[in-house]
Each structure stands twice: as C-alpha cells, then as structure tokens.
Amino acid sequence: MILDDFEQGELIPILKEYWYPYSGLYVYFHRNTQKAKRVRVLIDFLTEKTQHL
C-alpha cells in the first residue's frame, strides 16, 4: 500500500542522508519450548518472504 503511494509520488523520502543500507532481518525471541514450533514457523515465513531484500 505505501509502496504504491511512494511510486506515484504521493510520498517522498526524507532525511535520506541518515538512511542505512538494509543489512537483513533480525528476529529476537525468548526461547520457550512450548512456543518453539510457532516461533520456528514465523521465522521460516519471514525468511522466505525477505529473501529478495
């Protein structure tokens, strides 16, 4: 949604001199054995969806 607005010139970037290159996705979570499968599924999903970034 926001990308469409940006591409149409409705949004403009600001403070570009402070931008940093994208260095990857970081996921922080508490290791809990009861939630481990759900967390693993989320991490796998995020990894798959962000491969192109």
N, C-alpha and C. Protein backbone atom coordinates (compact mmCIF):
# COMPACT_ATOMS: atom_id res chain seq x y z
N MET A 1 0.82 -1.18 0.00
CA MET A 1 0.00 0.00 0.00
C MET A 1 0.86 1.25 0.00
N ILE A 2 1.79 1.33 0.89
CA ILE A 2 2.63 2.52 0.97
C ILE A 2 3.54 2.61 -0.26
N LEU A 3 4.03 1.46 -0.74
CA LEU A 3 4.89 1.46 -1.91
C LEU A 3 4.17 2.08 -3.11
N ASP A 4 2.89 1.76 -3.29
CA ASP A 4 2.11 2.35 -4.38
C ASP A 4 2.07 3.87 -4.26
N ASP A 5 1.80 4.37 -3.06
CA ASP A 5 1.76 5.82 -2.84
C ASP A 5 3.12 6.45 -3.12
N PHE A 6 4.18 5.78 -2.69
CA PHE A 6 5.53 6.29 -2.91
C PHE A 6 5.85 6.34 -4.40
N GLU A 7 5.53 5.26 -5.12
CA GLU A 7 5.81 5.20 -6.55
C GLU A 7 5.01 6.22 -7.35
N GLN A 8 3.84 6.59 -6.86
CA GLN A 8 3.00 7.58 -7.54
C GLN A 8 3.38 9.01 -7.15
N GLY A 9 4.39 9.15 -6.31
CA GLY A 9 4.86 10.47 -5.93
C GLY A 9 4.04 11.14 -4.83
N GLU A 10 3.15 10.37 -4.20
CA GLU A 10 2.33 10.92 -3.13
C GLU A 10 3.10 10.99 -1.81
N LEU A 11 4.14 10.19 -1.71
CA LEU A 11 5.02 10.22 -0.54
C LEU A 11 6.43 10.51 -1.04
N ILE A 12 7.18 11.19 -0.24
CA ILE A 12 8.56 11.47 -0.61
C ILE A 12 9.48 11.05 0.52
N PRO A 13 10.68 10.58 0.18
CA PRO A 13 11.63 10.20 1.23
C PRO A 13 12.17 11.45 1.93
N ILE A 14 12.43 11.31 3.21
CA ILE A 14 13.02 12.41 3.97
C ILE A 14 14.25 11.90 4.71
N LEU A 15 15.14 12.81 5.02
CA LEU A 15 16.35 12.51 5.80
C LEU A 15 17.17 11.36 5.20
N LYS A 16 17.25 11.30 3.87
CA LYS A 16 17.97 10.22 3.20
C LYS A 16 19.43 10.11 3.65
N GLU A 17 20.02 11.22 4.04
CA GLU A 17 21.43 11.17 4.45
C GLU A 17 21.62 10.33 5.72
N TYR A 18 20.56 10.03 6.44
CA TYR A 18 20.64 9.22 7.65
C TYR A 18 20.24 7.77 7.43
N TRP A 19 19.86 7.42 6.23
CA TRP A 19 19.45 6.05 5.93
C TRP A 19 20.66 5.13 5.94
N TYR A 20 20.46 3.91 6.40
CA TYR A 20 21.50 2.90 6.37
C TYR A 20 21.09 1.81 5.39
N PRO A 21 22.06 1.17 4.75
CA PRO A 21 21.72 0.06 3.85
C PRO A 21 21.04 -1.05 4.63
N TYR A 22 20.11 -1.71 3.99
CA TYR A 22 19.40 -2.83 4.62
C TYR A 22 20.38 -3.97 4.81
N SER A 23 20.55 -4.42 6.02
CA SER A 23 21.53 -5.47 6.29
C SER A 23 20.88 -6.78 6.70
N GLY A 24 19.60 -6.89 6.54
CA GLY A 24 18.93 -8.14 6.85
C GLY A 24 17.85 -7.97 7.90
N LEU A 25 17.19 -9.04 8.15
CA LEU A 25 16.09 -9.06 9.11
C LEU A 25 16.58 -9.71 10.40
N TYR A 26 16.27 -9.10 11.51
CA TYR A 26 16.64 -9.64 12.81
C TYR A 26 15.37 -9.98 13.58
N VAL A 27 15.33 -11.17 14.15
CA VAL A 27 14.18 -11.61 14.94
C VAL A 27 14.71 -11.98 16.32
N TYR A 28 14.16 -11.34 17.33
CA TYR A 28 14.52 -11.63 18.71
C TYR A 28 13.34 -12.28 19.39
N PHE A 29 13.58 -13.37 20.09
CA PHE A 29 12.50 -14.06 20.78
C PHE A 29 13.05 -14.80 21.98
N HIS A 30 12.18 -15.04 22.93
CA HIS A 30 12.53 -15.79 24.13
C HIS A 30 12.42 -17.28 23.82
N ARG A 31 13.40 -18.01 24.19
CA ARG A 31 13.36 -19.46 23.94
C ARG A 31 12.41 -20.12 24.94
N ASN A 32 11.30 -20.57 24.42
CA ASN A 32 10.29 -21.22 25.24
C ASN A 32 9.89 -22.50 24.51
N THR A 33 10.08 -23.62 25.13
CA THR A 33 9.84 -24.89 24.44
C THR A 33 8.39 -25.05 23.99
N GLN A 34 7.44 -24.47 24.70
CA GLN A 34 6.04 -24.59 24.31
C GLN A 34 5.72 -23.78 23.06
N LYS A 35 6.46 -22.71 22.80
CA LYS A 35 6.19 -21.87 21.65
C LYS A 35 7.19 -22.09 20.52
N ALA A 36 8.10 -23.01 20.70
CA ALA A 36 9.19 -23.18 19.75
C ALA A 36 8.70 -23.44 18.33
N LYS A 37 7.68 -24.28 18.15
CA LYS A 37 7.20 -24.59 16.80
C LYS A 37 6.58 -23.34 16.16
N ARG A 38 5.80 -22.59 16.90
CA ARG A 38 5.18 -21.37 16.35
C ARG A 38 6.25 -20.35 15.97
N VAL A 39 7.24 -20.22 16.81
CA VAL A 39 8.32 -19.28 16.52
C VAL A 39 9.09 -19.73 15.29
N ARG A 40 9.37 -21.01 15.19
CA ARG A 40 10.10 -21.55 14.04
C ARG A 40 9.32 -21.32 12.75
N VAL A 41 8.00 -21.52 12.78
CA VAL A 41 7.16 -21.29 11.60
C VAL A 41 7.22 -19.82 11.20
N LEU A 42 7.14 -18.92 12.17
CA LEU A 42 7.23 -17.49 11.88
C LEU A 42 8.58 -17.13 11.27
N ILE A 43 9.65 -17.63 11.84
CA ILE A 43 10.98 -17.35 11.31
C ILE A 43 11.13 -17.88 9.89
N ASP A 44 10.64 -19.08 9.64
CA ASP A 44 10.70 -19.64 8.29
C ASP A 44 9.92 -18.79 7.30
N PHE A 45 8.74 -18.33 7.71
CA PHE A 45 7.90 -17.48 6.86
C PHE A 45 8.62 -16.17 6.54
N LEU A 46 9.14 -15.51 7.56
CA LEU A 46 9.83 -14.24 7.36
C LEU A 46 11.07 -14.41 6.49
N THR A 47 11.79 -15.49 6.69
CA THR A 47 12.98 -15.76 5.89
C THR A 47 12.61 -15.92 4.42
N GLU A 48 11.55 -16.68 4.17
CA GLU A 48 11.11 -16.90 2.78
C GLU A 48 10.66 -15.60 2.12
N LYS A 49 9.91 -14.79 2.85
CA LYS A 49 9.35 -13.56 2.28
C LYS A 49 10.39 -12.46 2.10
N THR A 50 11.52 -12.55 2.78
CA THR A 50 12.51 -11.47 2.69
C THR A 50 13.77 -11.89 1.94
N GLN A 51 13.74 -13.01 1.26
CA GLN A 51 14.92 -13.47 0.51
C GLN A 51 15.37 -12.45 -0.52
N HIS A 52 14.44 -11.74 -1.13
CA HIS A 52 14.77 -10.81 -2.21
C HIS A 52 15.28 -9.46 -1.72
N LEU A 53 15.23 -9.20 -0.44
CA LEU A 53 15.63 -7.89 0.08
C LEU A 53 17.12 -7.76 0.23
